[in-house]
Amino acid sequence: MNFLGENLRVTLGILLEVWWPTLVGLAALALLVVATNDRPPKAVRILCGAAGGAILLAGLVIVFRALLG
């Protein structure tokens, strides 16, 4: 037995099942923060903004589809 429980795969699966919306939201937020910063080159800001927006929208769609049935 380790500090995460008997079966590490099940424990991590449950952890990711519960926390994946938060992790996806944080990843999208981090990309959007990079996109709004003036220091990176314009191409990096555009790519980070597009990726952050896409991740955020995809995460919201998945969450609302799960909640609304």
PDB file of N, CA and C in Angstrom:
ATOM      1  N   MET A   1       0.847  -1.183   0.000  1.00  0.00           N
ATOM      2  CA  MET A   1       0.000   0.000   0.000  1.00  0.00           C
ATOM      3  C   MET A   1       0.890   1.242   0.000  1.00  0.00           C
ATOM      4  N   ASN A   2       0.581   2.177  -0.863  1.00  0.00           N
ATOM      5  CA  ASN A   2       1.316   3.431  -0.886  1.00  0.00           C
ATOM      6  C   ASN A   2       0.444   4.543  -0.304  1.00  0.00           C
ATOM      7  N   PHE A   3       0.949   5.753  -0.324  1.00  0.00           N
ATOM      8  CA  PHE A   3       0.210   6.852   0.299  1.00  0.00           C
ATOM      9  C   PHE A   3      -1.033   7.247  -0.491  1.00  0.00           C
ATOM     10  N   LEU A   4      -1.179   6.768  -1.731  1.00  0.00           N
ATOM     11  CA  LEU A   4      -2.365   7.078  -2.526  1.00  0.00           C
ATOM     12  C   LEU A   4      -3.437   6.000  -2.443  1.00  0.00           C
ATOM     13  N   GLY A   5      -3.168   4.914  -1.742  1.00  0.00           N
ATOM     14  CA  GLY A   5      -4.167   3.865  -1.594  1.00  0.00           C
ATOM     15  C   GLY A   5      -3.678   2.543  -2.151  1.00  0.00           C
ATOM     16  N   GLU A   6      -4.585   1.586  -2.205  1.00  0.00           N
ATOM     17  CA  GLU A   6      -4.245   0.234  -2.649  1.00  0.00           C
ATOM     18  C   GLU A   6      -3.914   0.183  -4.134  1.00  0.00           C
ATOM     19  N   ASN A   7      -4.797   0.682  -4.962  1.00  0.00           N
ATOM     20  CA  ASN A   7      -4.621   0.586  -6.407  1.00  0.00           C
ATOM     21  C   ASN A   7      -4.363   1.980  -6.959  1.00  0.00           C
ATOM     22  N   LEU A   8      -3.135   2.227  -7.359  1.00  0.00           N
ATOM     23  CA  LEU A   8      -2.739   3.562  -7.814  1.00  0.00           C
ATOM     24  C   LEU A   8      -3.511   3.980  -9.057  1.00  0.00           C
ATOM     25  N   ARG A   9      -3.762   3.053  -9.978  1.00  0.00           N
ATOM     26  CA  ARG A   9      -4.473   3.382 -11.213  1.00  0.00           C
ATOM     27  C   ARG A   9      -5.900   3.856 -10.926  1.00  0.00           C
ATOM     28  N   VAL A  10      -6.589   3.180 -10.025  1.00  0.00           N
ATOM     29  CA  VAL A  10      -7.952   3.574  -9.684  1.00  0.00           C
ATOM     30  C   VAL A  10      -7.947   4.919  -8.974  1.00  0.00           C
ATOM     31  N   THR A  11      -7.014   5.110  -8.060  1.00  0.00           N
ATOM     32  CA  THR A  11      -6.952   6.365  -7.309  1.00  0.00           C
ATOM     33  C   THR A  11      -6.673   7.545  -8.230  1.00  0.00           C
ATOM     34  N   LEU A  12      -5.712   7.398  -9.138  1.00  0.00           N
ATOM     35  CA  LEU A  12      -5.415   8.488 -10.066  1.00  0.00           C
ATOM     36  C   LEU A  12      -6.558   8.712 -11.040  1.00  0.00           C
ATOM     37  N   GLY A  13      -7.241   7.635 -11.438  1.00  0.00           N
ATOM     38  CA  GLY A  13      -8.392   7.775 -12.319  1.00  0.00           C
ATOM     39  C   GLY A  13      -9.501   8.580 -11.665  1.00  0.00           C
ATOM     40  N   ILE A  14      -9.772   8.291 -10.411  1.00  0.00           N
ATOM     41  CA  ILE A  14     -10.797   9.045  -9.684  1.00  0.00           C
ATOM     42  C   ILE A  14     -10.362  10.490  -9.500  1.00  0.00           C
ATOM     43  N   LEU A  15      -9.090  10.698  -9.189  1.00  0.00           N
ATOM     44  CA  LEU A  15      -8.572  12.052  -9.011  1.00  0.00           C
ATOM     45  C   LEU A  15      -8.725  12.868 -10.291  1.00  0.00           C
ATOM     46  N   LEU A  16      -8.353  12.279 -11.424  1.00  0.00           N
ATOM     47  CA  LEU A  16      -8.485  13.000 -12.690  1.00  0.00           C
ATOM     48  C   LEU A  16      -9.942  13.187 -13.078  1.00  0.00           C
ATOM     49  N   GLU A  17     -10.787  12.226 -12.752  1.00  0.00           N
ATOM     50  CA  GLU A  17     -12.215  12.343 -13.061  1.00  0.00           C
ATOM     51  C   GLU A  17     -12.828  13.534 -12.329  1.00  0.00           C
ATOM     52  N   VAL A  18     -12.403  13.744 -11.113  1.00  0.00           N
ATOM     53  CA  VAL A  18     -12.954  14.829 -10.305  1.00  0.00           C
ATOM     54  C   VAL A  18     -12.336  16.175 -10.686  1.00  0.00           C
ATOM     55  N   TRP A  19     -11.037  16.190 -10.938  1.00  0.00           N
ATOM     56  CA  TRP A  19     -10.327  17.453 -11.110  1.00  0.00           C
ATOM     57  C   TRP A  19     -10.057  17.856 -12.553  1.00  0.00           C
ATOM     58  N   TRP A  20     -10.453  17.059 -13.568  1.00  0.00           N
ATOM     59  CA  TRP A  20     -10.091  17.411 -14.938  1.00  0.00           C
ATOM     60  C   TRP A  20     -10.686  18.739 -15.382  1.00  0.00           C
ATOM     61  N   PRO A  21     -11.913  19.118 -14.996  1.00  0.00           N
ATOM     62  CA  PRO A  21     -12.389  20.434 -15.438  1.00  0.00           C
ATOM     63  C   PRO A  21     -11.528  21.580 -14.900  1.00  0.00           C
ATOM     64  N   THR A  22     -11.068  21.443 -13.673  1.00  0.00           N
ATOM     65  CA  THR A  22     -10.212  22.471 -13.092  1.00  0.00           C
ATOM     66  C   THR A  22      -8.863  22.524 -13.792  1.00  0.00           C
ATOM     67  N   LEU A  23      -8.284  21.364 -14.069  1.00  0.00           N
ATOM     68  CA  LEU A  23      -6.989  21.329 -14.743  1.00  0.00           C
ATOM     69  C   LEU A  23      -7.075  21.875 -16.164  1.00  0.00           C
ATOM     70  N   VAL A  24      -8.137  21.541 -16.871  1.00  0.00           N
ATOM     71  CA  VAL A  24      -8.325  22.065 -18.231  1.00  0.00           C
ATOM     72  C   VAL A  24      -8.532  23.574 -18.184  1.00  0.00           C
ATOM     73  N   GLY A  25      -9.316  24.043 -17.227  1.00  0.00           N
ATOM     74  CA  GLY A  25      -9.536  25.478 -17.089  1.00  0.00           C
ATOM     75  C   GLY A  25      -8.261  26.230 -16.756  1.00  0.00           C
ATOM     76  N   LEU A  26      -7.432  25.659 -15.904  1.00  0.00           N
ATOM     77  CA  LEU A  26      -6.164  26.308 -15.570  1.00  0.00           C
ATOM     78  C   LEU A  26      -5.216  26.343 -16.763  1.00  0.00           C
ATOM     79  N   ALA A  27      -5.202  25.280 -17.549  1.00  0.00           N
ATOM     80  CA  ALA A  27      -4.360  25.270 -18.751  1.00  0.00           C
ATOM     81  C   ALA A  27      -4.829  26.330 -19.743  1.00  0.00           C
ATOM     82  N   ALA A  28      -6.138  26.437 -19.931  1.00  0.00           N
ATOM     83  CA  ALA A  28      -6.674  27.449 -20.838  1.00  0.00           C
ATOM     84  C   ALA A  28      -6.381  28.848 -20.315  1.00  0.00           C
ATOM     85  N   LEU A  29      -6.529  29.049 -19.018  1.00  0.00           N
ATOM     86  CA  LEU A  29      -6.253  30.354 -18.430  1.00  0.00           C
ATOM     87  C   LEU A  29      -4.787  30.731 -18.579  1.00  0.00           C
ATOM     88  N   ALA A  30      -3.890  29.768 -18.385  1.00  0.00           N
ATOM     89  CA  ALA A  30      -2.462  30.046 -18.544  1.00  0.00           C
ATOM     90  C   ALA A  30      -2.137  30.450 -19.976  1.00  0.00           C
ATOM     91  N   LEU A  31      -2.722  29.771 -20.941  1.00  0.00           N
ATOM     92  CA  LEU A  31      -2.490  30.138 -22.340  1.00  0.00           C
ATOM     93  C   LEU A  31      -3.062  31.519 -22.659  1.00  0.00           C
ATOM     94  N   LEU A  32      -4.225  31.827 -22.105  1.00  0.00           N
ATOM     95  CA  LEU A  32      -4.814  33.145 -22.349  1.00  0.00           C
ATOM     96  C   LEU A  32      -4.012  34.253 -21.672  1.00  0.00           C
ATOM     97  N   VAL A  33      -3.408  33.963 -20.528  1.00  0.00           N
ATOM     98  CA  VAL A  33      -2.543  34.953 -19.875  1.00  0.00           C
ATOM     99  C   VAL A  33      -1.322  35.237 -20.737  1.00  0.00           C
ATOM    100  N   VAL A  34      -0.731  34.197 -21.305  1.00  0.00           N
ATOM    101  CA  VAL A  34       0.405  34.395 -22.209  1.00  0.00           C
ATOM    102  C   VAL A  34      -0.035  35.202 -23.423  1.00  0.00           C
ATOM    103  N   ALA A  35      -1.245  34.942 -23.913  1.00  0.00           N
ATOM    104  CA  ALA A  35      -1.734  35.638 -25.104  1.00  0.00           C
ATOM    105  C   ALA A  35      -1.965  37.123 -24.844  1.00  0.00           C
ATOM    106  N   THR A  36      -2.312  37.492 -23.624  1.00  0.00           N
ATOM    107  CA  THR A  36      -2.586  38.897 -23.336  1.00  0.00           C
ATOM    108  C   THR A  36      -1.354  39.664 -22.875  1.00  0.00           C
ATOM    109  N   ASN A  37      -0.251  38.965 -22.647  1.00  0.00           N
ATOM    110  CA  ASN A  37       0.985  39.619 -22.238  1.00  0.00           C
ATOM    111  C   ASN A  37       1.661  40.251 -23.458  1.00  0.00           C
ATOM    112  N   ASP A  38       2.310  41.384 -23.276  1.00  0.00           N
ATOM    113  CA  ASP A  38       2.942  42.091 -24.391  1.00  0.00           C
ATOM    114  C   ASP A  38       4.346  41.595 -24.717  1.00  0.00           C
ATOM    115  N   ARG A  39       4.959  40.811 -23.871  1.00  0.00           N
ATOM    116  CA  ARG A  39       6.353  40.414 -24.082  1.00  0.00           C
ATOM    117  C   ARG A  39       6.558  39.367 -25.175  1.00  0.00           C
ATOM    118  N   PRO A  40       5.737  38.322 -25.280  1.00  0.00           N
ATOM    119  CA  PRO A  40       6.003  37.323 -26.326  1.00  0.00           C
ATOM    120  C   PRO A  40       5.773  37.902 -27.722  1.00  0.00           C
ATOM    121  N   PRO A  41       6.371  37.306 -28.734  1.00  0.00           N
ATOM    122  CA  PRO A  41       6.120  37.755 -30.098  1.00  0.00           C
ATOM    123  C   PRO A  41       4.643  37.603 -30.467  1.00  0.00           C
ATOM    124  N   LYS A  42       4.244  38.353 -31.475  1.00  0.00           N
ATOM    125  CA  LYS A  42       2.837  38.377 -31.863  1.00  0.00           C
ATOM    126  C   LYS A  42       2.341  36.997 -32.282  1.00  0.00           C
ATOM    127  N   ALA A  43       3.163  36.237 -32.990  1.00  0.00           N
ATOM    128  CA  ALA A  43       2.742  34.905 -33.432  1.00  0.00           C
ATOM    129  C   ALA A  43       2.481  33.981 -32.241  1.00  0.00           C
ATOM    130  N   VAL A  44       3.312  34.075 -31.216  1.00  0.00           N
ATOM    131  CA  VAL A  44       3.124  33.252 -30.016  1.00  0.00           C
ATOM    132  C   VAL A  44       1.845  33.656 -29.306  1.00  0.00           C
ATOM    133  N   ARG A  45       1.589  34.954 -29.224  1.00  0.00           N
ATOM    134  CA  ARG A  45       0.356  35.420 -28.575  1.00  0.00           C
ATOM    135  C   ARG A  45      -0.875  34.941 -29.319  1.00  0.00           C
ATOM    136  N   ILE A  46      -0.833  34.978 -30.641  1.00  0.00           N
ATOM    137  CA  ILE A  46      -1.984  34.533 -31.431  1.00  0.00           C
ATOM    138  C   ILE A  46      -2.207  33.032 -31.250  1.00  0.00           C
ATOM    139  N   LEU A  47      -1.130  32.248 -31.321  1.00  0.00           N
ATOM    140  CA  LEU A  47      -1.264  30.801 -31.144  1.00  0.00           C
ATOM    141  C   LEU A  47      -1.755  30.437 -29.744  1.00  0.00           C
ATOM    142  N   CYS A  48      -1.214  31.102 -28.727  1.00  0.00           N
ATOM    143  CA  CYS A  48      -1.651  30.825 -27.354  1.00  0.00           C
ATOM    144  C   CYS A  48      -3.097  31.245 -27.142  1.00  0.00           C
ATOM    145  N   GLY A  49      -3.484  32.350 -27.722  1.00  0.00           N
ATOM    146  CA  GLY A  49      -4.873  32.788 -27.603  1.00  0.00           C
ATOM    147  C   GLY A  49      -5.831  31.829 -28.275  1.00  0.00           C
ATOM    148  N   ALA A  50      -5.464  31.372 -29.464  1.00  0.00           N
ATOM    149  CA  ALA A  50      -6.325  30.422 -30.178  1.00  0.00           C
ATOM    150  C   ALA A  50      -6.401  29.089 -29.435  1.00  0.00           C
ATOM    151  N   ALA A  51      -5.259  28.605 -28.970  1.00  0.00           N
ATOM    152  CA  ALA A  51      -5.249  27.329 -28.242  1.00  0.00           C
ATOM    153  C   ALA A  51      -5.997  27.448 -26.914  1.00  0.00           C
ATOM    154  N   GLY A  52      -5.775  28.538 -26.192  1.00  0.00           N
ATOM    155  CA  GLY A  52      -6.472  28.733 -24.921  1.00  0.00           C
ATOM    156  C   GLY A  52      -7.968  28.856 -25.099  1.00  0.00           C
ATOM    157  N   GLY A  53      -8.381  29.601 -26.111  1.00  0.00           N
ATOM    158  CA  GLY A  53      -9.810  29.731 -26.390  1.00  0.00           C
ATOM    159  C   GLY A  53     -10.435  28.411 -26.796  1.00  0.00           C
ATOM    160  N   ALA A  54      -9.732  27.651 -27.623  1.00  0.00           N
ATOM    161  CA  ALA A  54     -10.258  26.355 -28.064  1.00  0.00           C
ATOM    162  C   ALA A  54     -10.368  25.376 -26.896  1.00  0.00           C
ATOM    163  N   ILE A  55      -9.349  25.345 -26.048  1.00  0.00           N
ATOM    164  CA  ILE A  55      -9.386  24.449 -24.885  1.00  0.00           C
ATOM    165  C   ILE A  55     -10.506  24.854 -23.939  1.00  0.00           C
ATOM    166  N   LEU A  56     -10.651  26.148 -23.714  1.00  0.00           N
ATOM    167  CA  LEU A  56     -11.702  26.629 -22.819  1.00  0.00           C
ATOM    168  C   LEU A  56     -13.085  26.292 -23.362  1.00  0.00           C
ATOM    169  N   LEU A  57     -13.308  26.541 -24.643  1.00  0.00           N
ATOM    170  CA  LEU A  57     -14.611  26.230 -25.232  1.00  0.00           C
ATOM    171  C   LEU A  57     -14.887  24.731 -25.237  1.00  0.00           C
ATOM    172  N   ALA A  58     -13.887  23.928 -25.565  1.00  0.00           N
ATOM    173  CA  ALA A  58     -14.082  22.475 -25.570  1.00  0.00           C
ATOM    174  C   ALA A  58     -14.395  21.965 -24.161  1.00  0.00           C
ATOM    175  N   GLY A  59     -13.692  22.479 -23.177  1.00  0.00           N
ATOM    176  CA  GLY A  59     -13.964  22.080 -21.802  1.00  0.00           C
ATOM    177  C   GLY A  59     -15.357  22.475 -21.349  1.00  0.00           C
ATOM    178  N   LEU A  60     -15.781  23.679 -21.713  1.00  0.00           N
ATOM    179  CA  LEU A  60     -17.128  24.118 -21.349  1.00  0.00           C
ATOM    180  C   LEU A  60     -18.199  23.284 -22.033  1.00  0.00           C
ATOM    181  N   VAL A  61     -17.988  22.959 -23.289  1.00  0.00           N
ATOM    182  CA  VAL A  61     -18.959  22.125 -24.011  1.00  0.00           C
ATOM    183  C   VAL A  61     -19.079  20.757 -23.353  1.00  0.00           C
ATOM    184  N   ILE A  62     -17.953  20.151 -23.013  1.00  0.00           N
ATOM    185  CA  ILE A  62     -17.985  18.826 -22.387  1.00  0.00           C
ATOM    186  C   ILE A  62     -18.666  18.886 -21.024  1.00  0.00           C
ATOM    187  N   VAL A  63     -18.353  19.900 -20.239  1.00  0.00           N
ATOM    188  CA  VAL A  63     -18.962  20.014 -18.907  1.00  0.00           C
ATOM    189  C   VAL A  63     -20.459  20.243 -19.013  1.00  0.00           C
ATOM    190  N   PHE A  64     -20.891  21.160 -19.883  1.00  0.00           N
ATOM    191  CA  PHE A  64     -22.318  21.440 -19.985  1.00  0.00           C
ATOM    192  C   PHE A  64     -23.084  20.285 -20.614  1.00  0.00           C
ATOM    193  N   ARG A  65     -22.469  19.536 -21.529  1.00  0.00           N
ATOM    194  CA  ARG A  65     -23.134  18.352 -22.076  1.00  0.00           C
ATOM    195  C   ARG A  65     -23.326  17.306 -20.993  1.00  0.00           C
ATOM    196  N   ALA A  66     -22.351  17.191 -20.107  1.00  0.00           N
ATOM    197  CA  ALA A  66     -22.477  16.223 -19.016  1.00  0.00           C
ATOM    198  C   ALA A  66     -23.523  16.674 -17.999  1.00  0.00           C
ATOM    199  N   LEU A  67     -23.578  17.969 -17.728  1.00  0.00           N
ATOM    200  CA  LEU A  67     -24.528  18.470 -16.734  1.00  0.00           C
ATOM    201  C   LEU A  67     -25.960  18.494 -17.247  1.00  0.00           C
ATOM    202  N   LEU A  68     -26.136  18.861 -18.508  1.00  0.00           N
ATOM    203  CA  LEU A  68     -27.484  19.011 -19.049  1.00  0.00           C
ATOM    204  C   LEU A  68     -28.030  17.726 -19.665  1.00  0.00           C
ATOM    205  N   GLY A  69     -27.187  16.744 -19.798  1.00  0.00           N
ATOM    206  CA  GLY A  69     -27.660  15.448 -20.295  1.00  0.00           C
ATOM    207  C   GLY A  69     -27.617  15.414 -21.748  1.00  0.00           C
TER     208      GLY A  69
END
